[in-house]
């Protein structure tokens, strides 16, 4: 199942529960999460971020972006 199909229901539930921002559409959240993953991949490949740090950087950035 593609990423968008798996994550969209999670975002929708989070918005309905008041845990995730609802001032932007679900599609925006999904695009932003994909952009973070692509950015992390590029930074990791370039050596500008260490493999040990990339997961925490992605997670903290994504959580701060989607939560209220």
C-alpha atoms as a PDB file:
ATOM      1  CA  UNK A   1       0.000   0.000   0.000  1.00  0.00           C
ATOM      2  CA  UNK A   2       1.436   3.424  -0.900  1.00  0.00           C
ATOM      3  CA  UNK A   3       2.561   5.804   1.831  1.00  0.00           C
ATOM      4  CA  UNK A   4      -0.272   8.258   1.169  1.00  0.00           C
ATOM      5  CA  UNK A   5      -2.966   5.584   1.435  1.00  0.00           C
ATOM      6  CA  UNK A   6      -1.490   4.342   4.710  1.00  0.00           C
ATOM      7  CA  UNK A   7      -0.903   7.710   6.377  1.00  0.00           C
ATOM      8  CA  UNK A   8      -3.935   9.717   5.210  1.00  0.00           C
ATOM      9  CA  UNK A   9      -6.364   7.933   7.592  1.00  0.00           C
ATOM     10  CA  UNK A  10      -3.964   8.545  10.484  1.00  0.00           C
ATOM     11  CA  UNK A  11      -3.833  12.273   9.707  1.00  0.00           C
ATOM     12  CA  UNK A  12      -7.622  12.403   9.367  1.00  0.00           C
ATOM     13  CA  UNK A  13      -8.128  10.682  12.737  1.00  0.00           C
ATOM     14  CA  UNK A  14      -5.574  12.987  14.340  1.00  0.00           C
ATOM     15  CA  UNK A  15      -7.347  16.041  12.998  1.00  0.00           C
ATOM     16  CA  UNK A  16     -10.750  14.814  14.178  1.00  0.00           C
ATOM     17  CA  UNK A  17      -9.323  14.055  17.633  1.00  0.00           C
ATOM     18  CA  UNK A  18      -7.773  17.512  17.848  1.00  0.00           C
ATOM     19  CA  UNK A  19      -4.220  16.166  18.059  1.00  0.00           C
ATOM     20  CA  UNK A  20      -3.126  17.279  14.578  1.00  0.00           C
ATOM     21  CA  UNK A  21      -3.447  20.674  12.956  1.00  0.00           C
ATOM     22  CA  UNK A  22      -6.663  21.079  11.027  1.00  0.00           C
ATOM     23  CA  UNK A  23      -5.880  24.477   9.532  1.00  0.00           C
ATOM     24  CA  UNK A  24      -4.262  22.781   6.532  1.00  0.00           C
ATOM     25  CA  UNK A  25      -5.635  19.939   4.414  1.00  0.00           C
ATOM     26  CA  UNK A  26      -4.591  16.326   4.808  1.00  0.00           C
ATOM     27  CA  UNK A  27      -2.852  16.531   1.421  1.00  0.00           C
ATOM     28  CA  UNK A  28      -0.608  19.292   2.788  1.00  0.00           C
ATOM     29  CA  UNK A  29       0.405  17.170   5.773  1.00  0.00           C
ATOM     30  CA  UNK A  30       1.221  14.271   3.454  1.00  0.00           C
ATOM     31  CA  UNK A  31       3.265  16.437   1.084  1.00  0.00           C
ATOM     32  CA  UNK A  32       5.164  17.948   4.006  1.00  0.00           C
ATOM     33  CA  UNK A  33       5.963  14.518   5.470  1.00  0.00           C
ATOM     34  CA  UNK A  34       7.243  13.306   2.106  1.00  0.00           C
ATOM     35  CA  UNK A  35       9.348  16.466   1.751  1.00  0.00           C
ATOM     36  CA  UNK A  36      10.905  15.866   5.171  1.00  0.00           C
ATOM     37  CA  UNK A  37      11.759  12.288   4.207  1.00  0.00           C
ATOM     38  CA  UNK A  38      13.320  13.418   0.928  1.00  0.00           C
ATOM     39  CA  UNK A  39      15.281  16.174   2.660  1.00  0.00           C
ATOM     40  CA  UNK A  40      16.554  13.736   5.267  1.00  0.00           C
ATOM     41  CA  UNK A  41      17.615  11.316   2.550  1.00  0.00           C
ATOM     42  CA  UNK A  42      19.527  14.041   0.743  1.00  0.00           C
ATOM     43  CA  UNK A  43      21.209  15.288   3.902  1.00  0.00           C
ATOM     44  CA  UNK A  44      22.182  11.765   4.865  1.00  0.00           C
ATOM     45  CA  UNK A  45      23.553  10.987   1.402  1.00  0.00           C
ATOM     46  CA  UNK A  46      25.589  14.213   1.385  1.00  0.00           C
ATOM     47  CA  UNK A  47      27.056  13.513   4.797  1.00  0.00           C
ATOM     48  CA  UNK A  48      25.657  16.733   6.296  1.00  0.00           C
ATOM     49  CA  UNK A  49      23.760  14.720   8.909  1.00  0.00           C
ATOM     50  CA  UNK A  50      24.910  11.529  10.576  1.00  0.00           C
ATOM     51  CA  UNK A  51      22.910   8.332  10.227  1.00  0.00           C
ATOM     52  CA  UNK A  52      22.564   8.203  14.002  1.00  0.00           C
ATOM     53  CA  UNK A  53      20.877  11.646  14.004  1.00  0.00           C
ATOM     54  CA  UNK A  54      18.604  11.483  10.974  1.00  0.00           C
ATOM     55  CA  UNK A  55      15.685   9.595  12.545  1.00  0.00           C
ATOM     56  CA  UNK A  56      15.393  11.953  15.516  1.00  0.00           C
ATOM     57  CA  UNK A  57      15.658  14.985  13.238  1.00  0.00           C
ATOM     58  CA  UNK A  58      12.891  13.702  10.968  1.00  0.00           C
ATOM     59  CA  UNK A  59      10.620  12.726  13.837  1.00  0.00           C
ATOM     60  CA  UNK A  60      10.949  15.978  15.774  1.00  0.00           C
ATOM     61  CA  UNK A  61      10.456  18.066  12.636  1.00  0.00           C
ATOM     62  CA  UNK A  62       7.398  16.096  11.507  1.00  0.00           C
ATOM     63  CA  UNK A  63       5.757  16.082  14.937  1.00  0.00           C
ATOM     64  CA  UNK A  64       6.203  19.810  15.370  1.00  0.00           C
ATOM     65  CA  UNK A  65       4.767  20.395  11.927  1.00  0.00           C
ATOM     66  CA  UNK A  66       1.586  18.309  12.320  1.00  0.00           C
ATOM     67  CA  UNK A  67       0.666  18.830  15.962  1.00  0.00           C
ATOM     68  CA  UNK A  68      -1.203  21.772  17.377  1.00  0.00           C
END
